[in-house]
Amino acid sequence: MSTNKHLDPHCEAILEEYNTNLPRFKEIEQEVRDKLKKTLADSGLLVAAIESRVKAYDSLAGKLELKGHKYKSLADLTDILGLRVITFYLDDVDKVASAVERLFTVDWENSVDKRKIHEIDSFGYLSLHYICSVPGFPYRFEIQMRTLLQHAWANMDHDTGYKSGVEIPKRYMRSMSRLAGLLELVDDEFSKIRIELTDYRRRVQALVRSGNLNEVPIDGDTFRSYLELNPFGQLNKRIASMNQAEIQDDPLMPYLTVFKSLGLSTLGDITQVIKDYSEGAYQIACYQIGLTDLDIISSSIGPQDLCIAYILKNGGGKSGIKHMFDILNGESASNETIAELLLEQSKDLPFMNTQN
């Protein structure tokens, strides 16, 4: 790099030290990124992004030109290497911070928690800033941690605010402050909702394990927990025993929509359907595969035939069966053909001529 005419010999020496150590800064940048990425992944913490950069020569020269007298050497500059971890949720910032504390030595005296700032226009700058170091490398570096909304606002505020060099009229500043307040509220609410959903899932799982299924409404979380109990397993084994077939696991979550379309509202309702219609489902399966040499069946055969038996016994007929297959496979003319065939095959089965 050429000598900068605006810098004194002291600042030129700092720039020369920077040039000499630039390759090592880039190595440390990659090492720190890799460690952060691995640690967060191992802990199951999903973040929006991990960004990093080594300060460019011109940027450092400009900084030294303005306030080079503050720095005795390159080691006094803590932002030559900078990283930023952007999280989806507010509470994840502290989780990332905990990981950083375990991985690196934190210079607490020079680190700052800008989240403690309470000015009305501070939303986009509420980052947690740690000044860190690693053994064998004499230079400190900075890790910033903030949410995705804080990051987006900081970038927008930078582009529309002081970066332009023009004073912003008060009416625009007021609008920006209102928007900042809204985004801060959104950040808080997202974290609150996630916490409440986590608590809800735990309560649901406890209810499912306890067997109080009549108290558990059918939704994605509850049905997923219900499937962990393998509620259709006994029926599937009985069907498989006809041909000594192997049961192949298939996703059963699509049946959530089917059960809801049948008017079932709790997991207890599904359990009652299993109790009342398993014999009908078994008879349908016998007709379907009893005279075949099929030696592999899908785990979906049990819930599918349960639903067919329920539909037929409750007057749903061909249209009800077609609707079920439309839900499972997408709307198709072939679904009507399948429904018509199943209706014809099932009409003389014993379960159709018995009282529930």
Protein backbone atom coordinates (compact mmCIF):
# COMPACT_ATOMS: atom_id res chain seq x y z
CA MET A 1 0.00 0.00 0.00
CA SER A 2 1.20 3.51 -0.73
CA THR A 3 1.91 6.04 2.02
CA ASN A 4 -1.10 8.14 2.98
CA LYS A 5 -0.09 11.81 2.83
CA HIS A 6 -2.58 12.76 5.55
CA LEU A 7 -1.15 10.43 8.19
CA ASP A 8 1.74 11.03 10.54
CA PRO A 9 4.57 8.48 10.92
CA HIS A 10 2.90 6.93 13.98
CA CYS A 11 -0.29 6.15 12.06
CA GLU A 12 1.74 4.94 9.08
CA ALA A 13 3.43 2.48 11.42
CA ILE A 14 0.04 1.17 12.57
CA LEU A 15 -0.98 0.71 8.93
CA GLU A 16 2.24 -1.16 8.24
CA GLU A 17 1.57 -3.42 11.23
CA TYR A 18 -1.91 -4.01 9.81
CA ASN A 19 -0.50 -5.01 6.40
CA THR A 20 1.97 -7.39 7.98
CA ASN A 21 -0.69 -9.15 10.04
CA LEU A 22 -3.53 -9.05 7.50
CA PRO A 23 -3.16 -12.73 6.45
CA ARG A 24 -3.34 -13.79 10.10
CA PHE A 25 -6.45 -11.65 10.67
CA LYS A 26 -8.14 -13.46 7.80
CA GLU A 27 -7.16 -16.84 9.25
CA ILE A 28 -8.59 -15.91 12.65
CA GLU A 29 -11.75 -14.61 10.97
CA GLN A 30 -12.37 -18.03 9.44
CA GLU A 31 -11.46 -19.89 12.64
CA VAL A 32 -13.81 -17.80 14.78
CA ARG A 33 -16.66 -18.13 12.25
CA ASP A 34 -16.22 -21.90 12.08
CA LYS A 35 -16.19 -22.27 15.86
CA LEU A 36 -19.28 -20.13 16.26
CA LYS A 37 -21.14 -21.94 13.48
CA LYS A 38 -20.32 -25.39 14.88
CA THR A 39 -21.12 -24.52 18.49
CA LEU A 40 -24.48 -22.96 17.62
CA ALA A 41 -25.38 -25.88 15.36
CA ASP A 42 -24.40 -28.42 18.03
CA SER A 43 -26.61 -26.65 20.55
CA GLY A 44 -29.55 -26.65 18.12
CA LEU A 45 -29.67 -22.85 18.03
CA LEU A 46 -30.79 -21.62 14.62
CA VAL A 47 -29.62 -18.11 13.74
CA ALA A 48 -30.40 -15.92 10.74
CA ALA A 49 -26.78 -15.23 9.80
CA ILE A 50 -23.18 -15.06 10.93
CA GLU A 51 -21.38 -12.17 9.24
CA SER A 52 -17.72 -11.20 9.43
CA ARG A 53 -15.22 -8.85 7.90
CA VAL A 54 -11.63 -7.69 8.30
CA LYS A 55 -11.47 -3.90 8.14
CA ALA A 56 -10.28 -2.68 4.73
CA TYR A 57 -7.05 -0.69 4.38
CA ASP A 58 -8.82 2.52 3.28
CA SER A 59 -11.31 2.26 6.13
CA LEU A 60 -8.52 1.90 8.68
CA ALA A 61 -6.59 4.77 7.12
CA GLY A 62 -9.66 6.98 7.34
CA LYS A 63 -10.16 6.10 11.00
CA LEU A 64 -6.53 6.82 11.82
CA GLU A 65 -6.73 10.12 10.01
CA LEU A 66 -9.59 11.19 12.27
CA LYS A 67 -8.39 9.84 15.63
CA GLY A 68 -5.11 8.04 15.21
CA HIS A 69 -3.72 9.82 18.26
CA LYS A 70 -5.90 7.60 20.46
CA TYR A 71 -4.07 4.41 19.53
CA LYS A 72 -0.57 3.46 20.62
CA SER A 73 -0.48 0.43 18.32
CA LEU A 74 -2.71 -1.80 16.22
CA ALA A 75 -3.56 -3.79 19.36
CA ASP A 76 -5.53 -0.82 20.68
CA LEU A 77 -8.01 -1.10 17.80
CA THR A 78 -10.61 -3.75 18.64
CA ASP A 79 -12.57 -3.60 15.39
CA ILE A 80 -9.99 -4.70 12.82
CA LEU A 81 -11.80 -8.02 12.87
CA GLY A 82 -15.54 -7.84 13.43
CA LEU A 83 -18.24 -10.50 13.49
CA ARG A 84 -21.98 -10.23 13.83
CA VAL A 85 -24.43 -12.96 14.82
CA ILE A 86 -28.01 -12.18 13.82
CA THR A 87 -30.72 -14.10 15.67
CA PHE A 88 -34.40 -14.57 14.97
CA TYR A 89 -35.50 -14.00 18.56
CA LEU A 90 -34.56 -11.61 21.37
CA ASP A 91 -33.90 -14.34 23.93
CA ASP A 92 -31.54 -16.08 21.52
CA VAL A 93 -29.13 -13.14 21.78
CA ASP A 94 -28.29 -14.19 25.34
CA LYS A 95 -27.90 -17.81 24.23
CA VAL A 96 -25.42 -16.75 21.56
CA ALA A 97 -23.62 -14.62 24.15
CA SER A 98 -23.30 -17.64 26.41
CA ALA A 99 -21.70 -19.60 23.55
CA VAL A 100 -19.28 -16.75 22.83
CA GLU A 101 -18.28 -16.62 26.50
CA ARG A 102 -17.45 -20.34 26.43
CA LEU A 103 -15.47 -20.13 23.21
CA PHE A 104 -13.43 -16.96 23.66
CA THR A 105 -11.94 -14.73 26.33
CA VAL A 106 -14.20 -11.71 26.78
CA ASP A 107 -12.76 -8.32 27.66
CA TRP A 108 -15.57 -7.28 29.97
CA GLU A 109 -14.19 -3.80 30.62
CA ASN A 110 -14.46 -2.85 26.94
CA SER A 111 -17.57 -4.87 26.05
CA VAL A 112 -20.93 -3.12 26.10
CA ASP A 113 -24.57 -4.16 26.30
CA LYS A 114 -26.34 -1.52 24.23
CA ARG A 115 -29.67 -3.16 25.01
CA LYS A 116 -29.63 -1.18 28.25
CA ILE A 117 -30.00 2.04 26.24
CA HIS A 118 -33.50 3.42 26.62
CA GLU A 119 -33.59 6.30 24.14
CA ILE A 120 -36.65 6.23 21.86
CA ASP A 121 -34.56 6.04 18.69
CA SER A 122 -32.14 3.38 19.90
CA PHE A 123 -33.95 0.25 18.66
CA GLY A 124 -31.63 -0.58 15.76
CA TYR A 125 -28.55 -0.26 17.92
CA LEU A 126 -29.55 -2.47 20.84
CA SER A 127 -26.78 -4.96 20.06
CA LEU A 128 -24.73 -6.82 22.59
CA HIS A 129 -21.06 -6.10 21.80
CA TYR A 130 -18.30 -8.36 23.11
CA ILE A 131 -14.61 -7.62 22.73
CA CYS A 132 -12.90 -11.00 22.53
CA SER A 133 -9.52 -12.64 22.15
CA VAL A 134 -8.09 -16.09 21.47
CA PRO A 135 -4.83 -17.63 22.68
CA GLY A 136 -1.80 -17.03 20.47
CA PHE A 137 -3.25 -13.98 18.70
CA PRO A 138 -2.29 -10.57 20.16
CA TYR A 139 -5.20 -8.64 18.69
CA ARG A 140 -8.71 -8.41 20.04
CA PHE A 141 -11.82 -8.58 17.88
CA GLU A 142 -15.48 -7.62 18.22
CA ILE A 143 -18.56 -9.84 18.11
CA GLN A 144 -21.94 -8.12 17.83
CA MET A 145 -25.16 -9.97 18.60
CA ARG A 146 -28.61 -8.66 17.69
CA THR A 147 -31.95 -9.73 16.24
CA LEU A 148 -32.91 -9.79 12.60
CA LEU A 149 -35.35 -6.91 13.06
CA GLN A 150 -32.75 -4.83 14.91
CA HIS A 151 -30.29 -5.54 12.11
CA ALA A 152 -32.76 -4.59 9.39
CA TRP A 153 -33.69 -1.38 11.18
CA ALA A 154 -30.06 -0.40 11.76
CA ASN A 155 -29.36 -0.77 8.03
CA MET A 156 -32.45 1.20 7.02
CA ASP A 157 -31.78 3.90 9.59
CA HIS A 158 -28.20 4.16 8.40
CA ASP A 159 -29.29 4.59 4.78
CA THR A 160 -32.02 7.13 5.50
CA GLY A 161 -30.37 8.94 8.39
CA TYR A 162 -26.90 10.17 9.14
CA LYS A 163 -25.30 8.44 6.15
CA SER A 164 -26.85 11.03 3.82
CA GLY A 165 -25.16 13.87 5.66
CA VAL A 166 -28.42 15.82 5.64
CA GLU A 167 -30.33 16.64 8.80
CA ILE A 168 -33.64 14.77 8.87
CA PRO A 169 -36.74 16.98 9.36
CA LYS A 170 -38.49 16.40 12.69
CA ARG A 171 -41.67 15.03 11.12
CA TYR A 172 -39.64 12.24 9.47
CA MET A 173 -37.67 11.57 12.64
CA ARG A 174 -40.98 11.21 14.48
CA SER A 175 -42.25 8.70 11.91
CA MET A 176 -39.02 6.73 12.11
CA SER A 177 -39.19 6.67 15.89
CA ARG A 178 -42.76 5.34 15.71
CA LEU A 179 -41.66 2.62 13.32
CA ALA A 180 -38.75 1.74 15.58
CA GLY A 181 -41.19 1.37 18.47
CA LEU A 182 -43.42 -0.91 16.41
CA LEU A 183 -40.50 -3.10 15.40
CA GLU A 184 -39.34 -3.33 18.99
CA LEU A 185 -42.84 -4.44 19.96
CA VAL A 186 -42.81 -7.05 17.19
CA ASP A 187 -39.44 -8.34 18.42
CA ASP A 188 -40.83 -8.67 21.95
CA GLU A 189 -44.03 -10.34 20.79
CA PHE A 190 -42.27 -12.91 18.59
CA SER A 191 -40.15 -14.00 21.55
CA LYS A 192 -43.19 -14.05 23.85
CA ILE A 193 -45.19 -16.15 21.38
CA ARG A 194 -42.35 -18.63 21.01
CA ILE A 195 -42.07 -19.02 24.79
CA GLU A 196 -45.83 -19.52 25.11
CA LEU A 197 -45.89 -22.04 22.25
CA THR A 198 -43.05 -23.97 23.88
CA ASP A 199 -45.00 -24.08 27.15
CA TYR A 200 -48.13 -25.16 25.25
CA ARG A 201 -46.27 -28.01 23.57
CA ARG A 202 -44.94 -29.21 26.91
CA ARG A 203 -48.43 -29.17 28.43
CA VAL A 204 -49.82 -31.03 25.42
CA GLN A 205 -47.12 -33.67 25.57
CA ALA A 206 -47.81 -34.16 29.27
CA LEU A 207 -51.56 -34.52 28.60
CA VAL A 208 -50.94 -37.01 25.79
CA ARG A 209 -48.60 -39.07 27.95
CA SER A 210 -51.11 -39.03 30.80
CA GLY A 211 -53.86 -40.35 28.54
CA ASN A 212 -56.21 -37.39 29.06
CA LEU A 213 -56.88 -37.25 25.33
CA ASN A 214 -60.41 -35.88 25.55
CA GLU A 215 -58.89 -32.63 26.82
CA VAL A 216 -56.46 -32.28 23.92
CA PRO A 217 -57.67 -30.42 20.81
CA ILE A 218 -56.45 -31.64 17.43
CA ASP A 219 -53.74 -29.46 15.90
CA GLY A 220 -50.31 -29.93 14.38
CA ASP A 221 -48.47 -30.12 17.69
CA THR A 222 -50.95 -32.38 19.46
CA PHE A 223 -51.32 -34.77 16.53
CA ARG A 224 -47.54 -35.05 16.19
CA SER A 225 -47.27 -35.95 19.88
CA TYR A 226 -50.14 -38.42 19.47
CA LEU A 227 -48.37 -40.18 16.60
CA GLU A 228 -45.41 -40.80 18.90
CA LEU A 229 -47.71 -43.17 20.82
CA ASN A 230 -48.13 -45.24 17.62
CA PRO A 231 -51.96 -45.25 17.94
CA PHE A 232 -52.48 -47.15 14.68
CA GLY A 233 -49.76 -49.70 15.38
CA GLN A 234 -52.00 -52.49 16.66
CA LEU A 235 -54.34 -52.23 13.67
CA ASN A 236 -51.44 -52.15 11.23
CA LYS A 237 -49.91 -55.26 12.80
CA ARG A 238 -53.21 -57.10 12.53
CA ILE A 239 -53.52 -56.16 8.85
CA ALA A 240 -49.87 -57.09 8.17
CA SER A 241 -50.36 -60.51 9.77
CA MET A 242 -52.65 -61.54 6.91
CA ASN A 243 -49.65 -61.86 4.59
CA GLN A 244 -46.89 -61.81 7.20
CA ALA A 245 -46.03 -58.48 5.62
CA GLU A 246 -43.44 -55.94 6.69
CA ILE A 247 -44.75 -52.51 7.74
CA GLN A 248 -43.03 -49.60 6.04
CA ASP A 249 -43.21 -46.27 7.87
CA ASP A 250 -44.87 -43.47 5.95
CA PRO A 251 -45.66 -39.89 7.08
CA LEU A 252 -49.01 -39.79 8.83
CA MET A 253 -49.29 -36.04 9.46
CA PRO A 254 -51.51 -35.60 6.34
CA TYR A 255 -54.23 -37.50 8.23
CA LEU A 256 -54.50 -34.54 10.62
CA THR A 257 -56.49 -32.68 7.97
CA VAL A 258 -58.54 -35.78 7.18
CA PHE A 259 -59.56 -36.34 10.80
CA LYS A 260 -60.47 -32.68 11.19
CA SER A 261 -62.55 -32.84 8.00
CA LEU A 262 -64.51 -35.70 9.56
CA GLY A 263 -65.55 -33.37 12.37
CA LEU A 264 -63.22 -34.82 15.03
CA SER A 265 -62.03 -32.17 17.47
CA THR A 266 -59.93 -33.93 20.12
CA LEU A 267 -57.39 -36.72 20.25
CA GLY A 268 -59.96 -38.58 22.33
CA ASP A 269 -62.27 -38.51 19.29
CA ILE A 270 -59.56 -40.19 17.17
CA THR A 271 -59.02 -42.81 19.88
CA GLN A 272 -62.76 -43.52 19.89
CA VAL A 273 -62.72 -43.93 16.09
CA ILE A 274 -59.88 -46.45 16.45
CA LYS A 275 -61.91 -48.34 19.05
CA ASP A 276 -65.18 -48.31 17.11
CA TYR A 277 -63.99 -48.75 13.52
CA SER A 278 -60.87 -50.94 13.67
CA GLU A 279 -62.89 -54.04 12.80
CA GLY A 280 -64.36 -52.32 9.76
CA ALA A 281 -60.91 -51.08 8.73
CA TYR A 282 -59.56 -54.62 9.06
CA GLN A 283 -62.35 -56.01 6.87
CA ILE A 284 -61.67 -53.40 4.20
CA ALA A 285 -57.97 -54.27 4.30
CA CYS A 286 -58.77 -57.97 3.99
CA TYR A 287 -60.73 -57.28 0.83
CA GLN A 288 -57.89 -55.12 -0.52
CA ILE A 289 -54.86 -57.34 0.15
CA GLY A 290 -56.11 -60.63 1.58
CA LEU A 291 -55.84 -62.50 -1.73
CA THR A 292 -52.57 -60.88 -2.80
CA ASP A 293 -48.99 -61.87 -2.07
CA LEU A 294 -48.13 -58.33 -0.93
CA ASP A 295 -45.33 -58.59 1.62
CA ILE A 296 -44.82 -54.88 2.37
CA ILE A 297 -47.58 -52.55 3.51
CA SER A 298 -47.55 -48.88 4.37
CA SER A 299 -48.15 -47.70 7.93
CA SER A 300 -50.81 -45.43 6.45
CA ILE A 301 -53.10 -48.36 5.64
CA GLY A 302 -54.52 -48.40 9.16
CA PRO A 303 -55.60 -44.74 9.38
CA GLN A 304 -56.72 -44.76 5.75
CA ASP A 305 -59.05 -47.72 6.18
CA LEU A 306 -60.24 -46.39 9.54
CA CYS A 307 -61.34 -43.20 7.82
CA ILE A 308 -63.00 -45.13 5.00
CA ALA A 309 -64.91 -47.28 7.49
CA TYR A 310 -65.97 -44.17 9.44
CA ILE A 311 -67.09 -42.36 6.29
CA LEU A 312 -69.11 -45.32 5.01
CA LYS A 313 -70.81 -46.06 8.35
CA ASN A 314 -71.73 -42.40 8.81
CA GLY A 315 -73.28 -41.91 5.38
CA GLY A 316 -70.41 -40.08 3.72
CA GLY A 317 -70.56 -42.39 0.70
CA LYS A 318 -68.57 -41.96 -2.46
CA SER A 319 -68.20 -38.18 -2.10
CA GLY A 320 -66.80 -38.54 1.41
CA ILE A 321 -64.18 -41.07 0.31
CA LYS A 322 -63.26 -38.94 -2.69
CA HIS A 323 -62.84 -35.92 -0.44
CA MET A 324 -60.47 -37.90 1.77
CA PHE A 325 -58.29 -38.87 -1.19
CA ASP A 326 -58.43 -35.29 -2.50
CA ILE A 327 -56.95 -34.18 0.82
CA LEU A 328 -54.27 -36.86 0.85
CA ASN A 329 -53.29 -36.92 -2.82
CA GLY A 330 -54.59 -33.71 -4.32
CA GLU A 331 -57.73 -33.35 -6.37
CA SER A 332 -57.93 -35.80 -9.26
CA ALA A 333 -60.57 -37.53 -11.36
CA SER A 334 -59.00 -40.85 -10.39
CA ASN A 335 -59.99 -40.24 -6.77
CA GLU A 336 -63.65 -40.52 -7.76
CA THR A 337 -62.95 -43.84 -9.52
CA ILE A 338 -61.16 -45.18 -6.43
CA ALA A 339 -64.02 -43.99 -4.20
CA GLU A 340 -66.61 -45.67 -6.37
CA LEU A 341 -64.66 -48.94 -6.34
CA LEU A 342 -64.22 -48.86 -2.55
CA LEU A 343 -67.90 -48.16 -2.07
CA GLU A 344 -68.83 -51.16 -4.24
CA GLN A 345 -66.30 -53.44 -2.53
CA SER A 346 -67.35 -52.48 0.99
CA LYS A 347 -71.13 -52.56 0.76
CA ASP A 348 -71.41 -56.27 1.58
CA LEU A 349 -68.73 -56.38 4.27
CA PRO A 350 -70.00 -57.52 7.72
CA PHE A 351 -69.25 -54.20 9.47
CA MET A 352 -71.62 -52.37 7.12
CA ASN A 353 -74.54 -54.48 8.36
CA THR A 354 -73.95 -54.13 12.10
CA GLN A 355 -75.00 -51.42 14.54
CA ASN A 356 -72.26 -49.18 15.99
